Amino acid sequence: MQRFKNRFALITGGTSGMGFATAEQFISDGGSAIITGRSERTVNEAVKNLGKRASGIVSDAGSYQDLMKLQQQVRRYTETIDVVFANAGYGKFAPVESVDEMLFDELFNMLVKGSFFTVQQVLPLMKRGGSVIFNTSIATEMSMPDFSVYSAAKSAVQSLIRSFAAELTVRGIRVNGISPGHIKTNIFNNTGLDPNQINEAVDHIIPAIPFKRLGDPSEIANAVLFLASGEASYIHGAELRVDAGISVVSH
């Protein structure tokens, strides 16, 4: 399949997990991908693994200064972006009484400010037929202990789907969201948990998942690229859950 031949995607947080898998599939479908990441080492490594139709930008989605440079950096590789996957982010979790301003600001800067200004800055490069996909989370639909700040930030991103869709309709740009469930990514890496604690957390989660397994990043990528493709030409302002049904199926 060559669904994205001669098309460019910007994928934030594309050095690993869902972002990397999406870039990989976009390229295999004929497109070219520009990925972002916070570390020059991981960006360079990911670009090398993705091949000749991949480019990388070192950019922190939680930094306003970096976000304001994004359009100029993208223009080094292309004057037109067809698909934006605002994916960059990670989780940090704490009980309500343990949350401080630093944690609150860190998550809102990365997830909300990063998503908003990534799309804002790339919009001048997008033409009719373009597609924006935000990454939300099942945390917006499920109440989970220690998730209050993360859930609130992802709920703000969820609201961007509708407001951006309303504004960008006249420009012929479709806006949708993907809501991942529990996926095999590095979401726990910034939580301060050691590997054993992460494994224990995952072992606790899996029995609650209807399919009794974590999702694979490629399963998210499949859904993102469906929303980005012409196959989803009549889908706008929607949020697609890819969560094995955990947010709606009793277990």
Protein backbone atom coordinates (compact mmCIF):
# COMPACT_ATOMS: atom_id res chain seq x y z
CA MET A 1 0.00 0.00 0.00
CA GLN A 2 1.17 3.52 -0.81
CA ARG A 3 -1.58 5.56 0.88
CA PHE A 4 0.80 8.36 1.78
CA LYS A 5 3.03 8.59 -1.29
CA ASN A 6 4.59 12.07 -1.60
CA ARG A 7 3.04 13.14 1.72
CA PHE A 8 4.78 14.42 4.86
CA ALA A 9 3.84 13.70 8.47
CA LEU A 10 5.06 15.48 11.58
CA ILE A 11 5.00 13.12 14.55
CA THR A 12 5.96 14.52 17.93
CA GLY A 13 7.44 12.12 20.44
CA GLY A 14 8.44 9.89 17.55
CA THR A 15 11.58 8.27 18.93
CA SER A 16 9.82 5.32 20.56
CA GLY A 17 6.48 3.66 21.26
CA MET A 18 3.37 4.84 19.46
CA GLY A 19 5.09 7.74 17.70
CA PHE A 20 7.89 5.59 16.31
CA ALA A 21 5.46 2.88 15.20
CA THR A 22 3.33 5.49 13.43
CA ALA A 23 6.36 6.96 11.65
CA GLU A 24 7.48 3.48 10.63
CA GLN A 25 4.10 2.60 9.14
CA PHE A 26 3.67 6.01 7.48
CA ILE A 27 7.00 5.51 5.71
CA SER A 28 6.14 1.95 4.71
CA ASP A 29 2.95 3.38 3.19
CA GLY A 30 5.01 5.62 0.92
CA GLY A 31 5.28 8.79 3.01
CA SER A 32 8.06 10.79 4.63
CA ALA A 33 8.07 11.38 8.39
CA ILE A 34 9.57 14.12 10.52
CA ILE A 35 9.84 13.03 14.14
CA THR A 36 10.62 15.05 17.23
CA GLY A 37 12.18 14.08 20.53
CA ARG A 38 13.92 15.72 23.45
CA SER A 39 17.25 13.92 23.09
CA GLU A 40 19.60 14.29 20.13
CA ARG A 41 20.84 10.76 20.70
CA THR A 42 17.40 9.13 20.60
CA VAL A 43 16.27 11.29 17.66
CA ASN A 44 19.34 10.33 15.63
CA GLU A 45 18.96 6.66 16.53
CA ALA A 46 15.28 6.63 15.57
CA VAL A 47 15.93 8.39 12.24
CA LYS A 48 18.66 5.85 11.44
CA ASN A 49 16.27 2.98 12.17
CA LEU A 50 13.44 4.53 10.16
CA GLY A 51 15.54 5.01 7.04
CA LYS A 52 16.06 7.57 4.31
CA ARG A 53 12.53 9.04 4.30
CA ALA A 54 12.78 10.00 7.96
CA SER A 55 14.06 13.27 9.42
CA GLY A 56 14.45 14.31 13.03
CA ILE A 57 14.14 17.47 15.10
CA VAL A 58 15.36 17.83 18.67
CA SER A 59 12.44 19.61 20.33
CA ASP A 60 10.84 19.49 23.76
CA ALA A 61 7.04 19.61 23.46
CA GLY A 62 6.89 21.05 26.97
CA SER A 63 9.07 24.05 26.06
CA TYR A 64 7.37 27.11 24.58
CA GLN A 65 10.72 28.28 23.21
CA ASP A 66 11.19 24.99 21.35
CA LEU A 67 7.62 25.04 20.07
CA MET A 68 8.11 28.51 18.60
CA LYS A 69 11.07 27.19 16.57
CA LEU A 70 9.19 24.17 15.25
CA GLN A 71 7.83 25.64 12.02
CA GLN A 72 11.23 26.95 10.98
CA GLN A 73 12.82 23.58 11.74
CA VAL A 74 10.16 21.69 9.77
CA ARG A 75 10.71 23.99 6.76
CA ARG A 76 14.25 22.61 6.46
CA TYR A 77 12.68 19.40 5.17
CA THR A 78 9.39 20.42 3.54
CA GLU A 79 7.12 23.37 2.87
CA THR A 80 4.00 21.24 3.26
CA ILE A 81 2.80 19.01 6.10
CA ASP A 82 -0.10 16.68 5.35
CA VAL A 83 -0.46 14.91 8.70
CA VAL A 84 0.26 16.04 12.25
CA PHE A 85 0.21 13.48 15.05
CA ALA A 86 0.48 15.45 18.30
CA ASN A 87 1.71 12.50 20.28
CA ALA A 88 4.52 13.67 22.59
CA GLY A 89 3.96 13.00 26.25
CA TYR A 90 4.46 10.75 29.22
CA GLY A 91 2.78 10.02 32.51
CA LYS A 92 3.55 10.98 36.07
CA PHE A 93 1.15 9.86 38.74
CA ALA A 94 0.65 10.88 42.36
CA PRO A 95 -2.08 11.02 45.01
CA VAL A 96 -3.91 14.35 45.21
CA GLU A 97 -2.19 15.31 48.46
CA SER A 98 1.27 14.67 46.96
CA VAL A 99 0.87 16.75 43.78
CA ASP A 100 2.98 19.91 43.72
CA GLU A 101 3.12 22.79 41.27
CA MET A 102 6.13 21.35 39.49
CA LEU A 103 4.33 18.09 38.63
CA PHE A 104 1.14 19.93 37.65
CA ASP A 105 2.96 22.36 35.36
CA GLU A 106 5.18 19.67 33.86
CA LEU A 107 2.24 17.57 32.67
CA PHE A 108 0.12 20.48 31.47
CA ASN A 109 3.10 22.00 29.64
CA MET A 110 3.98 18.74 27.92
CA LEU A 111 0.50 17.44 27.13
CA VAL A 112 -1.69 20.53 26.70
CA LYS A 113 0.63 23.38 25.77
CA GLY A 114 2.71 21.02 23.63
CA SER A 115 -0.29 19.69 21.71
CA PHE A 116 -1.87 23.11 21.20
CA PHE A 117 1.20 24.97 19.99
CA THR A 118 2.54 22.09 17.90
CA VAL A 119 -0.59 22.23 15.77
CA GLN A 120 -0.76 26.03 15.84
CA GLN A 121 2.79 26.37 14.58
CA VAL A 122 2.43 23.80 11.79
CA LEU A 123 -0.96 25.03 10.50
CA PRO A 124 0.60 27.49 8.01
CA LEU A 125 2.20 24.47 6.29
CA MET A 126 -1.08 22.53 6.01
CA LYS A 127 -3.44 22.67 3.04
CA ARG A 128 -6.91 21.34 2.31
CA GLY A 129 -7.05 17.60 2.80
CA GLY A 130 -4.64 17.70 5.73
CA SER A 131 -5.26 15.76 8.93
CA VAL A 132 -4.51 16.46 12.60
CA ILE A 133 -4.63 13.67 15.17
CA PHE A 134 -4.34 14.36 18.90
CA ASN A 135 -3.29 11.64 21.35
CA THR A 136 -5.66 11.51 24.33
CA SER A 137 -6.12 8.60 26.74
CA ILE A 138 -8.68 6.29 28.29
CA ALA A 139 -7.80 8.15 31.50
CA THR A 140 -10.40 10.72 30.39
CA GLU A 141 -13.12 8.05 30.62
CA MET A 142 -12.02 6.05 33.66
CA SER A 143 -11.42 7.13 37.24
CA MET A 144 -8.06 5.87 38.47
CA PRO A 145 -6.21 6.65 41.71
CA ASP A 146 -3.15 8.90 41.34
CA PHE A 147 -4.18 9.98 37.81
CA SER A 148 -5.86 13.30 38.66
CA VAL A 149 -3.38 15.64 36.95
CA TYR A 150 -2.67 13.33 34.01
CA SER A 151 -6.40 12.78 33.42
CA ALA A 152 -7.13 16.52 33.63
CA ALA A 153 -4.39 17.30 31.11
CA LYS A 154 -5.57 14.61 28.71
CA SER A 155 -9.15 15.87 29.10
CA ALA A 156 -7.92 19.29 28.00
CA VAL A 157 -6.35 17.67 24.93
CA GLN A 158 -9.65 15.88 24.31
CA SER A 159 -11.40 19.25 24.21
CA LEU A 160 -8.91 20.48 21.59
CA ILE A 161 -10.24 17.87 19.17
CA ARG A 162 -13.66 19.51 19.11
CA SER A 163 -12.52 23.14 19.17
CA PHE A 164 -9.85 22.68 16.51
CA ALA A 165 -12.31 20.70 14.36
CA ALA A 166 -14.78 23.60 14.55
CA GLU A 167 -12.13 26.12 13.48
CA LEU A 168 -10.34 24.11 10.82
CA THR A 169 -13.41 22.85 8.95
CA VAL A 170 -13.36 25.89 6.65
CA ARG A 171 -9.74 25.12 5.77
CA GLY A 172 -10.56 21.55 4.78
CA ILE A 173 -8.39 20.10 7.54
CA ARG A 174 -9.82 17.17 9.46
CA VAL A 175 -9.15 16.94 13.21
CA ASN A 176 -9.58 13.76 15.23
CA GLY A 177 -8.14 12.02 18.26
CA ILE A 178 -6.87 8.61 19.24
CA SER A 179 -7.52 7.33 22.75
CA PRO A 180 -5.06 4.55 23.61
CA GLY A 181 -5.61 2.05 26.34
CA HIS A 182 -2.75 0.25 28.07
CA ILE A 183 -0.03 0.01 25.43
CA LYS A 184 3.50 -1.43 25.55
CA THR A 185 5.36 1.89 25.69
CA ASN A 186 7.77 3.69 28.02
CA ILE A 187 5.00 5.70 29.73
CA PHE A 188 6.23 4.60 33.16
CA ASN A 189 9.86 5.57 32.54
CA ASN A 190 9.46 9.10 33.90
CA THR A 191 7.51 8.10 36.97
CA GLY A 192 10.51 7.30 39.14
CA LEU A 193 9.51 3.65 39.46
CA ASP A 194 12.27 1.06 39.19
CA PRO A 195 11.95 -1.82 36.64
CA ASN A 196 10.53 -4.21 39.24
CA GLN A 197 7.88 -1.70 40.30
CA ILE A 198 6.97 -1.09 36.65
CA ASN A 199 6.59 -4.85 36.08
CA GLU A 200 4.40 -5.12 39.17
CA ALA A 201 2.21 -2.25 37.92
CA VAL A 202 1.82 -3.91 34.52
CA ASP A 203 1.03 -7.29 36.13
CA HIS A 204 -1.69 -5.54 38.14
CA ILE A 205 -3.18 -3.87 35.07
CA ILE A 206 -3.34 -6.82 32.67
CA PRO A 207 -6.11 -8.81 34.46
CA ALA A 208 -8.40 -5.76 34.10
CA ILE A 209 -7.94 -5.60 30.32
CA PRO A 210 -10.66 -7.52 28.43
CA PHE A 211 -8.06 -9.02 26.03
CA LYS A 212 -5.69 -9.81 28.95
CA ARG A 213 -2.71 -8.21 27.22
CA LEU A 214 -1.14 -4.84 26.59
CA GLY A 215 -1.69 -3.31 23.19
CA ASP A 216 1.15 -3.10 20.73
CA PRO A 217 2.27 0.34 19.48
CA SER A 218 1.59 -0.87 15.93
CA GLU A 219 -2.08 -1.25 16.83
CA ILE A 220 -2.21 2.44 17.71
CA ALA A 221 -0.30 3.32 14.55
CA ASN A 222 -2.86 1.42 12.45
CA ALA A 223 -5.66 3.51 13.93
CA VAL A 224 -3.78 6.83 13.64
CA LEU A 225 -3.01 6.23 9.98
CA PHE A 226 -6.59 5.18 9.28
CA LEU A 227 -7.72 8.55 10.66
CA ALA A 228 -5.03 10.31 8.60
CA SER A 229 -5.95 8.53 5.38
CA GLY A 230 -8.59 9.07 2.75
CA GLU A 231 -10.42 6.05 4.16
CA ALA A 232 -11.51 8.33 7.02
CA SER A 233 -12.53 11.22 4.75
CA TYR A 234 -15.91 11.65 6.50
CA ILE A 235 -14.57 11.39 10.06
CA HIS A 236 -14.05 14.76 11.74
CA GLY A 237 -14.07 15.85 15.39
CA ALA A 238 -14.08 12.24 16.56
CA GLU A 239 -12.07 10.33 19.12
CA LEU A 240 -11.30 6.69 18.38
CA ARG A 241 -10.70 4.44 21.39
CA VAL A 242 -8.10 1.73 20.91
CA ASP A 243 -8.19 0.14 24.33
CA ALA A 244 -9.42 -3.48 24.03
CA GLY A 245 -12.72 -2.19 25.36
CA ILE A 246 -11.46 -1.56 28.90
CA SER A 247 -13.24 1.81 29.10
CA VAL A 248 -16.65 0.34 28.25
CA VAL A 249 -16.60 -3.43 28.86
CA SER A 250 -17.20 -4.64 32.41
CA HIS A 251 -14.64 -7.10 33.66
